[in-house]
PDB file of N, CA and C in Angstrom:
ATOM      1  N   MET A   1     -25.494  22.181  24.794  1.00  0.00           N
ATOM      2  CA  MET A   1     -25.066  23.350  24.702  1.00  0.00           C
ATOM      3  C   MET A   1     -23.944  23.719  25.979  1.00  0.00           C
ATOM      4  N   PRO A   2     -22.855  24.387  25.353  1.00  0.00           N
ATOM      5  CA  PRO A   2     -22.016  24.738  26.417  1.00  0.00           C
ATOM      6  C   PRO A   2     -22.132  25.537  27.487  1.00  0.00           C
ATOM      7  N   LYS A   3     -21.644  25.726  28.607  1.00  0.00           N
ATOM      8  CA  LYS A   3     -21.486  26.846  29.554  1.00  0.00           C
ATOM      9  C   LYS A   3     -21.522  28.088  29.129  1.00  0.00           C
ATOM     10  N   ALA A   4     -21.952  29.036  29.479  1.00  0.00           N
ATOM     11  CA  ALA A   4     -21.813  30.329  28.985  1.00  0.00           C
ATOM     12  C   ALA A   4     -20.782  30.769  29.819  1.00  0.00           C
ATOM     13  N   LYS A   5     -19.780  31.316  29.144  1.00  0.00           N
ATOM     14  CA  LYS A   5     -18.486  32.007  29.902  1.00  0.00           C
ATOM     15  C   LYS A   5     -18.727  33.358  30.223  1.00  0.00           C
ATOM     16  N   THR A   6     -18.206  33.834  31.392  1.00  0.00           N
ATOM     17  CA  THR A   6     -18.224  35.121  32.047  1.00  0.00           C
ATOM     18  C   THR A   6     -17.342  36.064  31.232  1.00  0.00           C
ATOM     19  N   LYS A   7     -17.478  37.223  31.014  1.00  0.00           N
ATOM     20  CA  LYS A   7     -16.819  38.115  30.410  1.00  0.00           C
ATOM     21  C   LYS A   7     -15.774  38.685  31.414  1.00  0.00           C
ATOM     22  N   LYS A   8     -14.547  38.340  31.389  1.00  0.00           N
ATOM     23  CA  LYS A   8     -13.735  38.785  32.531  1.00  0.00           C
ATOM     24  C   LYS A   8     -13.533  40.155  32.569  1.00  0.00           C
ATOM     25  N   ALA A   9     -13.485  41.032  31.586  1.00  0.00           N
ATOM     26  CA  ALA A   9     -13.359  42.322  31.571  1.00  0.00           C
ATOM     27  C   ALA A   9     -14.371  42.986  32.410  1.00  0.00           C
ATOM     28  N   ALA A  10     -15.650  42.359  32.103  1.00  0.00           N
ATOM     29  CA  ALA A  10     -17.015  42.739  32.915  1.00  0.00           C
ATOM     30  C   ALA A  10     -16.906  42.560  34.241  1.00  0.00           C
ATOM     31  N   ALA A  11     -16.389  41.228  34.665  1.00  0.00           N
ATOM     32  CA  ALA A  11     -16.248  40.806  35.883  1.00  0.00           C
ATOM     33  C   ALA A  11     -15.154  41.544  37.064  1.00  0.00           C
ATOM     34  N   LYS A  12     -14.254  42.171  36.437  1.00  0.00           N
ATOM     35  CA  LYS A  12     -13.624  42.927  37.044  1.00  0.00           C
ATOM     36  C   LYS A  12     -13.994  44.251  37.289  1.00  0.00           C
ATOM     37  N   ARG A  13     -14.927  44.640  36.583  1.00  0.00           N
ATOM     38  CA  ARG A  13     -15.556  46.235  36.712  1.00  0.00           C
ATOM     39  C   ARG A  13     -16.913  46.326  37.534  1.00  0.00           C
ATOM     40  N   PHE A  14     -17.518  45.234  37.572  1.00  0.00           N
ATOM     41  CA  PHE A  14     -18.935  45.307  38.005  1.00  0.00           C
ATOM     42  C   PHE A  14     -19.075  44.332  39.490  1.00  0.00           C
ATOM     43  N   LYS A  15     -19.892  44.431  40.289  1.00  0.00           N
ATOM     44  CA  LYS A  15     -19.883  43.890  41.500  1.00  0.00           C
ATOM     45  C   LYS A  15     -21.622  43.799  41.902  1.00  0.00           C
ATOM     46  N   VAL A  16     -22.192  42.391  41.766  1.00  0.00           N
ATOM     47  CA  VAL A  16     -23.514  42.347  42.043  1.00  0.00           C
ATOM     48  C   VAL A  16     -23.718  42.072  43.704  1.00  0.00           C
ATOM     49  N   THR A  17     -24.553  42.984  44.302  1.00  0.00           N
ATOM     50  CA  THR A  17     -25.037  42.724  45.629  1.00  0.00           C
ATOM     51  C   THR A  17     -26.045  41.615  45.898  1.00  0.00           C
ATOM     52  N   GLY A  18     -25.899  41.657  47.187  1.00  0.00           N
ATOM     53  CA  GLY A  18     -27.281  40.287  47.596  1.00  0.00           C
ATOM     54  C   GLY A  18     -28.486  40.642  47.005  1.00  0.00           C
ATOM     55  N   THR A  19     -28.934  41.828  46.921  1.00  0.00           N
ATOM     56  CA  THR A  19     -30.502  42.388  46.608  1.00  0.00           C
ATOM     57  C   THR A  19     -30.430  42.085  44.782  1.00  0.00           C
ATOM     58  N   GLY A  20     -29.261  42.027  44.042  1.00  0.00           N
ATOM     59  CA  GLY A  20     -29.383  41.804  42.935  1.00  0.00           C
ATOM     60  C   GLY A  20     -28.812  42.947  42.054  1.00  0.00           C
ATOM     61  N   LYS A  21     -28.629  44.187  42.835  1.00  0.00           N
ATOM     62  CA  LYS A  21     -28.164  45.450  42.285  1.00  0.00           C
ATOM     63  C   LYS A  21     -26.688  45.401  41.702  1.00  0.00           C
ATOM     64  N   ILE A  22     -26.262  45.923  40.653  1.00  0.00           N
ATOM     65  CA  ILE A  22     -25.034  46.079  40.015  1.00  0.00           C
ATOM     66  C   ILE A  22     -24.241  47.007  40.216  1.00  0.00           C
ATOM     67  N   LEU A  23     -23.237  47.005  40.850  1.00  0.00           N
ATOM     68  CA  LEU A  23     -22.415  48.302  41.212  1.00  0.00           C
ATOM     69  C   LEU A  23     -21.180  48.640  40.296  1.00  0.00           C
ATOM     70  N   ARG A  24     -20.881  49.737  40.154  1.00  0.00           N
ATOM     71  CA  ARG A  24     -19.815  50.175  39.182  1.00  0.00           C
ATOM     72  C   ARG A  24     -18.984  51.275  39.938  1.00  0.00           C
ATOM     73  N   ARG A  25     -17.802  51.630  39.606  1.00  0.00           N
ATOM     74  CA  ARG A  25     -16.845  52.853  39.681  1.00  0.00           C
ATOM     75  C   ARG A  25     -17.288  53.743  38.677  1.00  0.00           C
ATOM     76  N   ARG A  26     -17.179  55.071  39.514  1.00  0.00           N
ATOM     77  CA  ARG A  26     -17.205  56.178  38.431  1.00  0.00           C
ATOM     78  C   ARG A  26     -16.073  56.613  37.460  1.00  0.00           C
ATOM     79  N   ALA A  27     -16.401  57.197  36.294  1.00  0.00           N
ATOM     80  CA  ALA A  27     -15.060  57.379  35.589  1.00  0.00           C
ATOM     81  C   ALA A  27     -14.548  58.704  36.033  1.00  0.00           C
ATOM     82  N   MET A  28     -13.344  59.176  35.531  1.00  0.00           N
ATOM     83  CA  MET A  28     -12.847  60.656  35.671  1.00  0.00           C
ATOM     84  C   MET A  28     -11.985  60.799  37.054  1.00  0.00           C
ATOM     85  N   HIS A  29     -11.793  59.470  37.751  1.00  0.00           N
ATOM     86  CA  HIS A  29     -11.175  59.805  38.935  1.00  0.00           C
ATOM     87  C   HIS A  29      -9.877  58.936  38.895  1.00  0.00           C
ATOM     88  N   SER A  30      -9.043  58.806  37.809  1.00  0.00           N
ATOM     89  CA  SER A  30      -7.803  58.061  38.137  1.00  0.00           C
ATOM     90  C   SER A  30      -6.779  59.221  37.707  1.00  0.00           C
ATOM     91  N   HIS A  31      -6.710  60.201  36.836  1.00  0.00           N
ATOM     92  CA  HIS A  31      -5.790  61.153  36.799  1.00  0.00           C
ATOM     93  C   HIS A  31      -6.263  62.432  36.473  1.00  0.00           C
ATOM     94  N   ILE A  32      -5.490  63.447  36.087  1.00  0.00           N
ATOM     95  CA  ILE A  32      -5.633  64.761  35.727  1.00  0.00           C
ATOM     96  C   ILE A  32      -6.681  65.191  36.957  1.00  0.00           C
ATOM     97  N   LEU A  33      -6.174  65.129  38.269  1.00  0.00           N
ATOM     98  CA  LEU A  33      -7.098  65.327  39.501  1.00  0.00           C
ATOM     99  C   LEU A  33      -6.904  66.792  39.979  1.00  0.00           C
ATOM    100  N   THR A  34      -5.880  67.534  39.394  1.00  0.00           N
ATOM    101  CA  THR A  34      -5.621  68.816  40.152  1.00  0.00           C
ATOM    102  C   THR A  34      -6.562  69.905  39.752  1.00  0.00           C
ATOM    103  N   LYS A  35      -7.123  69.750  38.665  1.00  0.00           N
ATOM    104  CA  LYS A  35      -8.022  71.189  38.107  1.00  0.00           C
ATOM    105  C   LYS A  35      -9.643  70.433  38.690  1.00  0.00           C
ATOM    106  N   LYS A  36      -9.670  69.328  39.396  1.00  0.00           N
ATOM    107  CA  LYS A  36     -11.071  69.038  39.804  1.00  0.00           C
ATOM    108  C   LYS A  36     -11.216  69.333  41.254  1.00  0.00           C
ATOM    109  N   SER A  37     -12.466  69.802  41.627  1.00  0.00           N
ATOM    110  CA  SER A  37     -12.651  70.267  43.106  1.00  0.00           C
ATOM    111  C   SER A  37     -12.553  68.986  43.900  1.00  0.00           C
ATOM    112  N   ALA A  38     -12.335  69.240  45.465  1.00  0.00           N
ATOM    113  CA  ALA A  38     -12.487  68.155  46.343  1.00  0.00           C
ATOM    114  C   ALA A  38     -13.968  67.587  46.635  1.00  0.00           C
ATOM    115  N   LYS A  39     -14.903  68.379  46.279  1.00  0.00           N
ATOM    116  CA  LYS A  39     -16.317  68.007  46.361  1.00  0.00           C
ATOM    117  C   LYS A  39     -16.500  66.939  45.067  1.00  0.00           C
ATOM    118  N   ARG A  40     -16.042  67.245  44.051  1.00  0.00           N
ATOM    119  CA  ARG A  40     -16.281  66.462  42.802  1.00  0.00           C
ATOM    120  C   ARG A  40     -15.522  65.151  42.909  1.00  0.00           C
ATOM    121  N   LYS A  41     -14.122  65.307  43.553  1.00  0.00           N
ATOM    122  CA  LYS A  41     -13.325  63.923  43.736  1.00  0.00           C
ATOM    123  C   LYS A  41     -14.025  63.041  44.799  1.00  0.00           C
ATOM    124  N   ARG A  42     -14.638  63.671  45.662  1.00  0.00           N
ATOM    125  CA  ARG A  42     -15.304  62.822  46.728  1.00  0.00           C
ATOM    126  C   ARG A  42     -16.515  61.911  45.974  1.00  0.00           C
ATOM    127  N   ARG A  43     -17.062  62.900  45.305  1.00  0.00           N
ATOM    128  CA  ARG A  43     -18.443  62.282  44.428  1.00  0.00           C
ATOM    129  C   ARG A  43     -17.933  61.083  43.439  1.00  0.00           C
ATOM    130  N   LEU A  44     -16.771  61.457  42.884  1.00  0.00           N
ATOM    131  CA  LEU A  44     -16.280  60.502  41.874  1.00  0.00           C
ATOM    132  C   LEU A  44     -15.819  59.323  42.623  1.00  0.00           C
ATOM    133  N   ALA A  45     -15.339  59.288  43.919  1.00  0.00           N
ATOM    134  CA  ALA A  45     -14.835  58.232  44.689  1.00  0.00           C
ATOM    135  C   ALA A  45     -15.788  57.122  44.985  1.00  0.00           C
ATOM    136  N   GLN A  46     -17.046  57.629  44.870  1.00  0.00           N
ATOM    137  CA  GLN A  46     -18.180  56.789  45.571  1.00  0.00           C
ATOM    138  C   GLN A  46     -18.874  55.797  44.341  1.00  0.00           C
ATOM    139  N   VAL A  47     -19.121  54.580  44.975  1.00  0.00           N
ATOM    140  CA  VAL A  47     -19.731  53.425  43.963  1.00  0.00           C
ATOM    141  C   VAL A  47     -21.076  53.998  43.398  1.00  0.00           C
ATOM    142  N   ALA A  48     -21.420  53.732  42.312  1.00  0.00           N
ATOM    143  CA  ALA A  48     -22.556  54.064  41.721  1.00  0.00           C
ATOM    144  C   ALA A  48     -23.400  52.542  41.244  1.00  0.00           C
ATOM    145  N   ALA A  49     -24.670  52.742  41.123  1.00  0.00           N
ATOM    146  CA  ALA A  49     -25.582  51.339  40.611  1.00  0.00           C
ATOM    147  C   ALA A  49     -25.588  51.557  39.201  1.00  0.00           C
ATOM    148  N   VAL A  50     -25.552  50.449  38.297  1.00  0.00           N
ATOM    149  CA  VAL A  50     -25.595  50.504  36.925  1.00  0.00           C
ATOM    150  C   VAL A  50     -26.891  51.051  36.554  1.00  0.00           C
ATOM    151  N   SER A  51     -27.214  51.925  35.626  1.00  0.00           N
ATOM    152  CA  SER A  51     -28.748  52.189  35.242  1.00  0.00           C
ATOM    153  C   SER A  51     -29.486  51.037  34.727  1.00  0.00           C
ATOM    154  N   ALA A  52     -30.606  51.347  34.854  1.00  0.00           N
ATOM    155  CA  ALA A  52     -31.569  50.415  34.420  1.00  0.00           C
ATOM    156  C   ALA A  52     -31.602  50.075  32.878  1.00  0.00           C
ATOM    157  N   ALA A  53     -31.147  51.072  32.098  1.00  0.00           N
ATOM    158  CA  ALA A  53     -30.994  50.958  30.679  1.00  0.00           C
ATOM    159  C   ALA A  53     -29.918  49.923  30.632  1.00  0.00           C
ATOM    160  N   ASP A  54     -28.896  49.744  31.133  1.00  0.00           N
ATOM    161  CA  ASP A  54     -27.762  49.089  31.005  1.00  0.00           C
ATOM    162  C   ASP A  54     -27.655  47.863  31.857  1.00  0.00           C
ATOM    163  N   ARG A  55     -28.578  47.735  32.822  1.00  0.00           N
ATOM    164  CA  ARG A  55     -28.381  46.748  33.717  1.00  0.00           C
ATOM    165  C   ARG A  55     -28.522  44.991  33.081  1.00  0.00           C
ATOM    166  N   LYS A  56     -29.625  44.822  31.709  1.00  0.00           N
ATOM    167  CA  LYS A  56     -29.670  43.765  31.091  1.00  0.00           C
ATOM    168  C   LYS A  56     -28.574  43.267  30.409  1.00  0.00           C
ATOM    169  N   ARG A  57     -27.870  44.201  29.805  1.00  0.00           N
ATOM    170  CA  ARG A  57     -26.693  43.906  29.149  1.00  0.00           C
ATOM    171  C   ARG A  57     -25.501  43.471  30.037  1.00  0.00           C
ATOM    172  N   VAL A  58     -25.336  44.254  31.259  1.00  0.00           N
ATOM    173  CA  VAL A  58     -24.028  43.578  31.885  1.00  0.00           C
ATOM    174  C   VAL A  58     -24.552  42.607  32.620  1.00  0.00           C
ATOM    175  N   ARG A  59     -25.745  42.147  32.897  1.00  0.00           N
ATOM    176  CA  ARG A  59     -26.080  40.872  33.473  1.00  0.00           C
ATOM    177  C   ARG A  59     -26.000  39.698  32.459  1.00  0.00           C
ATOM    178  N   ARG A  60     -25.870  39.742  31.151  1.00  0.00           N
ATOM    179  CA  ARG A  60     -25.726  39.032  30.046  1.00  0.00           C
ATOM    180  C   ARG A  60     -24.010  38.594  30.083  1.00  0.00           C
ATOM    181  N   MET A  61     -23.284  39.491  30.276  1.00  0.00           N
ATOM    182  CA  MET A  61     -21.691  39.403  30.709  1.00  0.00           C
ATOM    183  C   MET A  61     -21.524  38.661  31.720  1.00  0.00           C
ATOM    184  N   LEU A  62     -22.319  38.607  32.850  1.00  0.00           N
ATOM    185  CA  LEU A  62     -21.877  37.722  34.043  1.00  0.00           C
ATOM    186  C   LEU A  62     -23.008  36.754  34.242  1.00  0.00           C
ATOM    187  N   PRO A  63     -22.855  35.686  33.351  1.00  0.00           N
ATOM    188  CA  PRO A  63     -24.044  34.697  33.450  1.00  0.00           C
ATOM    189  C   PRO A  63     -24.114  33.958  34.737  1.00  0.00           C
ATOM    190  N   GLY A  64     -23.316  33.791  35.724  1.00  0.00           N
ATOM    191  CA  GLY A  64     -23.133  33.160  36.855  1.00  0.00           C
ATOM    192  C   GLY A  64     -23.973  33.840  38.027  1.00  0.00           C
ATOM    193  N   THR A  65     -24.339  35.222  37.914  1.00  0.00           N
ATOM    194  CA  THR A  65     -25.087  35.971  38.896  1.00  0.00           C
ATOM    195  C   THR A  65     -26.459  36.001  38.745  1.00  0.00           C
TER     196      THR A  65
END
């Protein structure tokens, strides 16, 4: 059986920590920022963990982790 290939689109978007958590960036923080409050923009700039419901799916796209 051939080696499983990493989905490069997923590799660019997710980072796996040493403890095994998968981190992602938040959406809605790239443009149309003038109508968003400073508080909201600060929150959107933070990195978030992938939810438990999606973790298995993301892990399958990153077989080397």
